[in-house]
Amino acid sequence: MPRRVDKVAGLGAKARPVQINVRVPKEVHEALRVLVAATGQPANEIVLSALRNYLATDGHRAAVRSFAEQAMKQYAVALDKLKDL
């Protein structure tokens, strides 16, 4: 059974940070700048919070869906035999 994406990503842990670079469209960057100015939160905190939320919800669903699709392909013959039982 696969582990939850948020558990694998260590979302609850205080792990040593690593740097990544992400290219975003100009309008996304501008919206982030406006949010930073409006809230006073650092851009890093806003982006990290959004990424954590995605991994805990949509990312988890995508991982489960992908695992199920792979299992259905891998066990297609057995599943086909079981459908008539």
C-alpha atoms as a PDB file:
ATOM      1  CA  MET A   1       0.000   0.000   0.000  1.00  0.00           C
ATOM      2  CA  PRO A   2       1.518   3.378  -0.954  1.00  0.00           C
ATOM      3  CA  ARG A   3       2.105   5.920   1.767  1.00  0.00           C
ATOM      4  CA  ARG A   4       0.168   9.161   1.657  1.00  0.00           C
ATOM      5  CA  VAL A   5       1.857  11.822  -0.418  1.00  0.00           C
ATOM      6  CA  ASP A   6       1.883  14.233   2.513  1.00  0.00           C
ATOM      7  CA  LYS A   7       3.572  11.601   4.719  1.00  0.00           C
ATOM      8  CA  VAL A   8       6.168  10.783   2.057  1.00  0.00           C
ATOM      9  CA  ALA A   9       6.841  14.483   1.584  1.00  0.00           C
ATOM     10  CA  GLY A  10       7.382  14.897   5.334  1.00  0.00           C
ATOM     11  CA  LEU A  11       4.877  17.715   5.504  1.00  0.00           C
ATOM     12  CA  GLY A  12       4.585  17.568   9.254  1.00  0.00           C
ATOM     13  CA  ALA A  13       8.306  17.307   9.893  1.00  0.00           C
ATOM     14  CA  LYS A  14      10.759  20.125  10.453  1.00  0.00           C
ATOM     15  CA  ALA A  15      13.142  18.872   7.800  1.00  0.00           C
ATOM     16  CA  ARG A  16      16.153  20.761   6.528  1.00  0.00           C
ATOM     17  CA  PRO A  17      14.909  22.957   3.684  1.00  0.00           C
ATOM     18  CA  VAL A  18      16.102  22.456   0.124  1.00  0.00           C
ATOM     19  CA  GLN A  19      15.955  25.054  -2.587  1.00  0.00           C
ATOM     20  CA  ILE A  20      13.950  24.539  -5.772  1.00  0.00           C
ATOM     21  CA  ASN A  21      13.309  26.867  -8.684  1.00  0.00           C
ATOM     22  CA  VAL A  22       9.854  27.079 -10.205  1.00  0.00           C
ATOM     23  CA  ARG A  23       8.984  29.061 -13.307  1.00  0.00           C
ATOM     24  CA  VAL A  24       5.546  30.660 -13.181  1.00  0.00           C
ATOM     25  CA  PRO A  25       3.656  32.853 -15.639  1.00  0.00           C
ATOM     26  CA  LYS A  26       4.083  36.594 -15.146  1.00  0.00           C
ATOM     27  CA  GLU A  27       0.493  37.019 -13.934  1.00  0.00           C
ATOM     28  CA  VAL A  28       0.979  34.351 -11.235  1.00  0.00           C
ATOM     29  CA  HIS A  29       4.125  36.111 -10.042  1.00  0.00           C
ATOM     30  CA  GLU A  30       2.310  39.430  -9.949  1.00  0.00           C
ATOM     31  CA  ALA A  31      -0.615  37.915  -8.008  1.00  0.00           C
ATOM     32  CA  LEU A  32       1.875  36.497  -5.492  1.00  0.00           C
ATOM     33  CA  ARG A  33       3.537  39.909  -5.118  1.00  0.00           C
ATOM     34  CA  VAL A  34       0.133  41.513  -4.474  1.00  0.00           C
ATOM     35  CA  LEU A  35      -0.685  38.858  -1.857  1.00  0.00           C
ATOM     36  CA  VAL A  36       2.677  39.390  -0.152  1.00  0.00           C
ATOM     37  CA  ALA A  37       2.067  43.142  -0.036  1.00  0.00           C
ATOM     38  CA  ALA A  38      -1.489  42.694   1.246  1.00  0.00           C
ATOM     39  CA  THR A  39      -0.766  40.106   3.936  1.00  0.00           C
ATOM     40  CA  GLY A  40       2.805  40.881   4.913  1.00  0.00           C
ATOM     41  CA  GLN A  41       3.628  37.168   4.709  1.00  0.00           C
ATOM     42  CA  PRO A  42       6.833  36.150   2.965  1.00  0.00           C
ATOM     43  CA  ALA A  43       6.342  34.722  -0.529  1.00  0.00           C
ATOM     44  CA  ASN A  44       8.104  31.539   0.568  1.00  0.00           C
ATOM     45  CA  GLU A  45       5.518  30.921   3.312  1.00  0.00           C
ATOM     46  CA  ILE A  46       2.609  31.489   0.919  1.00  0.00           C
ATOM     47  CA  VAL A  47       4.036  29.180  -1.749  1.00  0.00           C
ATOM     48  CA  LEU A  48       5.006  26.517   0.801  1.00  0.00           C
ATOM     49  CA  SER A  49       1.524  26.585   2.333  1.00  0.00           C
ATOM     50  CA  ALA A  50      -0.097  26.238  -1.099  1.00  0.00           C
ATOM     51  CA  LEU A  51       2.197  23.360  -2.020  1.00  0.00           C
ATOM     52  CA  ARG A  52       1.546  21.554   1.274  1.00  0.00           C
ATOM     53  CA  ASN A  53      -2.217  21.946   0.792  1.00  0.00           C
ATOM     54  CA  TYR A  54      -1.990  20.576  -2.747  1.00  0.00           C
ATOM     55  CA  LEU A  55       0.109  17.581  -1.706  1.00  0.00           C
ATOM     56  CA  ALA A  56      -2.241  16.759   1.166  1.00  0.00           C
ATOM     57  CA  THR A  57      -5.371  16.872  -1.013  1.00  0.00           C
ATOM     58  CA  ASP A  58      -5.122  16.841  -4.809  1.00  0.00           C
ATOM     59  CA  GLY A  59      -1.649  15.330  -4.812  1.00  0.00           C
ATOM     60  CA  HIS A  60      -2.819  12.476  -2.597  1.00  0.00           C
ATOM     61  CA  ARG A  61      -5.814  11.797  -4.849  1.00  0.00           C
ATOM     62  CA  ALA A  62      -3.584  11.797  -7.934  1.00  0.00           C
ATOM     63  CA  ALA A  63      -1.163   9.357  -6.298  1.00  0.00           C
ATOM     64  CA  VAL A  64      -3.988   7.006  -5.301  1.00  0.00           C
ATOM     65  CA  ARG A  65      -5.525   7.200  -8.783  1.00  0.00           C
ATOM     66  CA  SER A  66      -2.169   6.449 -10.398  1.00  0.00           C
ATOM     67  CA  PHE A  67      -1.553   3.506  -8.056  1.00  0.00           C
ATOM     68  CA  ALA A  68      -5.006   2.067  -8.815  1.00  0.00           C
ATOM     69  CA  GLU A  69      -4.479   2.402 -12.571  1.00  0.00           C
ATOM     70  CA  GLN A  70      -1.105   0.673 -12.355  1.00  0.00           C
ATOM     71  CA  ALA A  71      -2.568  -2.141 -10.225  1.00  0.00           C
ATOM     72  CA  MET A  72      -5.459  -2.629 -12.665  1.00  0.00           C
ATOM     73  CA  LYS A  73      -3.000  -2.972 -15.557  1.00  0.00           C
ATOM     74  CA  GLN A  74      -0.675  -5.255 -13.621  1.00  0.00           C
ATOM     75  CA  TYR A  75      -3.475  -7.558 -12.420  1.00  0.00           C
ATOM     76  CA  ALA A  76      -5.762  -7.277 -15.454  1.00  0.00           C
ATOM     77  CA  VAL A  77      -5.788 -11.036 -16.132  1.00  0.00           C
ATOM     78  CA  ALA A  78      -6.653 -11.919 -12.527  1.00  0.00           C
ATOM     79  CA  LEU A  79      -9.307  -9.188 -12.308  1.00  0.00           C
ATOM     80  CA  ASP A  80     -10.851 -10.376 -15.550  1.00  0.00           C
ATOM     81  CA  LYS A  81     -11.136 -13.941 -14.165  1.00  0.00           C
ATOM     82  CA  LEU A  82     -12.619 -12.673 -10.888  1.00  0.00           C
ATOM     83  CA  LYS A  83     -15.342 -10.586 -12.507  1.00  0.00           C
ATOM     84  CA  ASP A  84     -17.441 -13.680 -13.296  1.00  0.00           C
ATOM     85  CA  LEU A  85     -17.355 -15.117  -9.752  1.00  0.00           C
END
